[in-house]
Amino acid sequence: MTKEKQPLEEDIKKLQKIVEDLSGGKLTLAEALKKYEEGIKLAENCSQTLQDAERKVESLMKKDGKFLLKDFSEDEEGKD
């Protein structure tokens, strides 16, 4: 059975909690190592999710086999 991916936002919230816990200085070494390992896995998941999204955006922006790279902020300014 494969584990379903969590939304990016949920992983980021968990990472923030881990950083708070590690910064608090109240964890034992074993607990801190476990939290650190969990954080590394979450960071890798986030990175993969962002890379996947980037590839999707690039593929959507392709036209005639060429990328049309646009600055998102410029596109948004013209819509006001």
N, C-alpha and C. Protein backbone atom coordinates (compact mmCIF):
# COMPACT_ATOMS: atom_id res chain seq x y z
N MET A 1 0.85 -1.18 0.00
CA MET A 1 0.00 0.00 0.00
C MET A 1 0.90 1.25 0.00
N THR A 2 0.64 2.19 -0.94
CA THR A 2 1.44 3.40 -1.01
C THR A 2 0.82 4.49 -0.16
N LYS A 3 1.68 5.29 0.42
CA LYS A 3 1.23 6.38 1.27
C LYS A 3 0.84 7.57 0.39
N GLU A 4 -0.35 8.11 0.59
CA GLU A 4 -0.80 9.26 -0.18
C GLU A 4 -0.06 10.51 0.27
N LYS A 5 0.31 11.36 -0.70
CA LYS A 5 1.02 12.59 -0.39
C LYS A 5 0.10 13.57 0.32
N GLN A 6 0.65 14.24 1.32
CA GLN A 6 -0.09 15.27 2.03
C GLN A 6 0.05 16.58 1.25
N PRO A 7 -0.90 17.48 1.43
CA PRO A 7 -0.77 18.79 0.78
C PRO A 7 0.49 19.53 1.28
N LEU A 8 1.07 20.32 0.42
CA LEU A 8 2.28 21.08 0.74
C LEU A 8 2.07 21.92 2.00
N GLU A 9 0.93 22.55 2.10
CA GLU A 9 0.66 23.42 3.25
C GLU A 9 0.70 22.66 4.57
N GLU A 10 0.21 21.44 4.55
CA GLU A 10 0.22 20.62 5.76
C GLU A 10 1.66 20.25 6.14
N ASP A 11 2.46 19.90 5.14
CA ASP A 11 3.86 19.58 5.41
C ASP A 11 4.61 20.79 5.96
N ILE A 12 4.31 21.97 5.44
CA ILE A 12 4.97 23.19 5.91
C ILE A 12 4.60 23.48 7.36
N LYS A 13 3.33 23.29 7.71
CA LYS A 13 2.90 23.49 9.11
C LYS A 13 3.63 22.53 10.04
N LYS A 14 3.77 21.28 9.61
CA LYS A 14 4.48 20.29 10.42
C LYS A 14 5.95 20.68 10.57
N LEU A 15 6.55 21.17 9.49
CA LEU A 15 7.94 21.62 9.57
C LEU A 15 8.10 22.78 10.54
N GLN A 16 7.16 23.71 10.50
CA GLN A 16 7.21 24.84 11.43
C GLN A 16 7.14 24.37 12.88
N LYS A 17 6.28 23.40 13.14
CA LYS A 17 6.14 22.86 14.50
C LYS A 17 7.43 22.17 14.93
N ILE A 18 8.05 21.44 14.01
CA ILE A 18 9.31 20.77 14.33
C ILE A 18 10.40 21.79 14.66
N VAL A 19 10.47 22.86 13.89
CA VAL A 19 11.45 23.92 14.16
C VAL A 19 11.22 24.53 15.54
N GLU A 20 9.95 24.78 15.86
CA GLU A 20 9.62 25.31 17.19
C GLU A 20 10.06 24.35 18.29
N ASP A 21 9.76 23.07 18.10
CA ASP A 21 10.12 22.06 19.10
C ASP A 21 11.64 21.98 19.27
N LEU A 22 12.34 21.97 18.15
CA LEU A 22 13.81 21.87 18.23
C LEU A 22 14.42 23.13 18.82
N SER A 23 13.82 24.27 18.53
CA SER A 23 14.34 25.54 19.05
C SER A 23 14.05 25.71 20.54
N GLY A 24 13.02 25.02 21.02
CA GLY A 24 12.63 25.15 22.42
C GLY A 24 13.65 24.62 23.40
N GLY A 25 14.48 23.70 22.98
CA GLY A 25 15.52 23.17 23.84
C GLY A 25 15.03 22.24 24.94
N LYS A 26 13.81 21.77 24.85
CA LYS A 26 13.26 20.92 25.91
C LYS A 26 13.22 19.45 25.53
N LEU A 27 13.70 19.10 24.32
CA LEU A 27 13.67 17.72 23.87
C LEU A 27 14.94 16.98 24.30
N THR A 28 14.78 15.71 24.54
CA THR A 28 15.96 14.89 24.78
C THR A 28 16.71 14.73 23.45
N LEU A 29 17.92 14.25 23.51
CA LEU A 29 18.69 14.06 22.30
C LEU A 29 17.96 13.10 21.35
N ALA A 30 17.44 12.01 21.89
CA ALA A 30 16.73 11.03 21.07
C ALA A 30 15.49 11.65 20.41
N GLU A 31 14.75 12.45 21.18
CA GLU A 31 13.56 13.11 20.63
C GLU A 31 13.95 14.11 19.54
N ALA A 32 15.02 14.87 19.80
CA ALA A 32 15.48 15.86 18.84
C ALA A 32 15.93 15.19 17.54
N LEU A 33 16.64 14.08 17.65
CA LEU A 33 17.08 13.36 16.45
C LEU A 33 15.89 12.84 15.66
N LYS A 34 14.89 12.35 16.35
CA LYS A 34 13.70 11.83 15.68
C LYS A 34 12.97 12.97 14.96
N LYS A 35 12.83 14.11 15.64
CA LYS A 35 12.19 15.28 15.03
C LYS A 35 12.99 15.77 13.82
N TYR A 36 14.31 15.80 13.96
CA TYR A 36 15.18 16.24 12.87
C TYR A 36 14.99 15.34 11.65
N GLU A 37 14.98 14.03 11.88
CA GLU A 37 14.80 13.08 10.78
C GLU A 37 13.44 13.29 10.10
N GLU A 38 12.41 13.49 10.91
CA GLU A 38 11.07 13.75 10.36
C GLU A 38 11.08 15.04 9.54
N GLY A 39 11.76 16.05 10.04
CA GLY A 39 11.86 17.32 9.34
C GLY A 39 12.56 17.20 8.00
N ILE A 40 13.62 16.41 7.96
CA ILE A 40 14.35 16.20 6.70
C ILE A 40 13.43 15.54 5.67
N LYS A 41 12.67 14.55 6.10
CA LYS A 41 11.75 13.86 5.18
C LYS A 41 10.67 14.82 4.68
N LEU A 42 10.14 15.63 5.58
CA LEU A 42 9.12 16.61 5.17
C LEU A 42 9.70 17.63 4.20
N ALA A 43 10.92 18.09 4.46
CA ALA A 43 11.56 19.06 3.58
C ALA A 43 11.79 18.46 2.19
N GLU A 44 12.17 17.20 2.15
CA GLU A 44 12.34 16.52 0.86
C GLU A 44 11.02 16.41 0.12
N ASN A 45 9.94 16.09 0.85
CA ASN A 45 8.61 16.02 0.23
C ASN A 45 8.19 17.39 -0.33
N CYS A 46 8.44 18.44 0.44
CA CYS A 46 8.10 19.79 -0.01
C CYS A 46 8.88 20.15 -1.26
N SER A 47 10.15 19.85 -1.25
CA SER A 47 11.00 20.14 -2.40
C SER A 47 10.50 19.41 -3.64
N GLN A 48 10.15 18.14 -3.49
CA GLN A 48 9.65 17.36 -4.62
C GLN A 48 8.33 17.91 -5.12
N THR A 49 7.45 18.31 -4.21
CA THR A 49 6.16 18.88 -4.59
C THR A 49 6.36 20.17 -5.39
N LEU A 50 7.29 21.01 -4.92
CA LEU A 50 7.56 22.27 -5.62
C LEU A 50 8.20 22.03 -6.99
N GLN A 51 9.10 21.05 -7.09
CA GLN A 51 9.70 20.71 -8.38
C GLN A 51 8.63 20.19 -9.35
N ASP A 52 7.73 19.36 -8.85
CA ASP A 52 6.63 18.85 -9.69
C ASP A 52 5.76 20.00 -10.20
N ALA A 53 5.46 20.94 -9.32
CA ALA A 53 4.63 22.09 -9.71
C ALA A 53 5.36 22.94 -10.75
N GLU A 54 6.67 23.12 -10.56
CA GLU A 54 7.44 23.91 -11.52
C GLU A 54 7.42 23.26 -12.90
N ARG A 55 7.60 21.93 -12.93
CA ARG A 55 7.56 21.22 -14.22
C ARG A 55 6.19 21.35 -14.87
N LYS A 56 5.14 21.30 -14.07
CA LYS A 56 3.79 21.43 -14.61
C LYS A 56 3.58 22.82 -15.20
N VAL A 57 4.00 23.84 -14.48
CA VAL A 57 3.86 25.21 -14.97
C VAL A 57 4.65 25.38 -16.27
N GLU A 58 5.87 24.85 -16.30
CA GLU A 58 6.68 24.95 -17.52
C GLU A 58 6.01 24.26 -18.69
N SER A 59 5.44 23.10 -18.45
CA SER A 59 4.79 22.38 -19.55
C SER A 59 3.54 23.11 -20.02
N LEU A 60 2.85 23.78 -19.12
CA LEU A 60 1.67 24.55 -19.50
C LEU A 60 2.04 25.81 -20.27
N MET A 61 3.25 26.29 -20.05
CA MET A 61 3.70 27.52 -20.70
C MET A 61 4.37 27.25 -22.05
N LYS A 62 4.55 26.00 -22.41
CA LYS A 62 5.19 25.67 -23.68
C LYS A 62 4.26 26.00 -24.83
N LYS A 63 4.84 26.58 -25.87
CA LYS A 63 4.07 26.86 -27.07
C LYS A 63 4.98 26.62 -28.27
N ASP A 64 4.53 25.79 -29.19
CA ASP A 64 5.32 25.45 -30.37
C ASP A 64 6.69 24.92 -29.98
N GLY A 65 6.74 24.13 -28.90
CA GLY A 65 8.00 23.51 -28.48
C GLY A 65 8.94 24.46 -27.76
N LYS A 66 8.53 25.70 -27.55
CA LYS A 66 9.38 26.69 -26.88
C LYS A 66 8.69 27.16 -25.61
N PHE A 67 9.49 27.46 -24.61
CA PHE A 67 8.94 28.00 -23.37
C PHE A 67 8.68 29.48 -23.53
N LEU A 68 7.54 29.90 -23.04
CA LEU A 68 7.21 31.31 -22.97
C LEU A 68 7.32 31.72 -21.51
N LEU A 69 8.49 32.14 -21.11
CA LEU A 69 8.71 32.49 -19.71
C LEU A 69 8.19 33.89 -19.44
N LYS A 70 7.27 33.97 -18.50
CA LYS A 70 6.66 35.24 -18.12
C LYS A 70 6.81 35.44 -16.63
N ASP A 71 6.94 36.66 -16.24
CA ASP A 71 6.96 37.01 -14.82
C ASP A 71 5.51 37.05 -14.35
N PHE A 72 5.16 36.20 -13.37
CA PHE A 72 3.78 36.13 -12.90
C PHE A 72 3.27 37.48 -12.43
N SER A 73 4.12 38.29 -11.79
CA SER A 73 3.65 39.57 -11.26
C SER A 73 3.25 40.52 -12.38
N GLU A 74 3.93 40.45 -13.54
CA GLU A 74 3.56 41.29 -14.67
C GLU A 74 2.19 40.89 -15.20
N ASP A 75 1.92 39.60 -15.27
CA ASP A 75 0.62 39.12 -15.72
C ASP A 75 -0.49 39.60 -14.80
N GLU A 76 -0.25 39.56 -13.51
CA GLU A 76 -1.27 39.95 -12.54
C GLU A 76 -1.55 41.45 -12.55
N GLU A 77 -0.50 42.27 -12.81
CA GLU A 77 -0.69 43.73 -12.79
C GLU A 77 -1.66 44.18 -13.87
N GLY A 78 -1.67 43.51 -15.01
CA GLY A 78 -2.52 43.90 -16.11
C GLY A 78 -3.97 43.54 -15.90
N LYS A 79 -4.30 42.77 -14.87
CA LYS A 79 -5.66 42.31 -14.64
C LYS A 79 -6.46 43.23 -13.72
N ASP A 80 -5.84 44.26 -13.17
CA ASP A 80 -6.54 45.16 -12.24
C ASP A 80 -7.52 46.05 -12.93
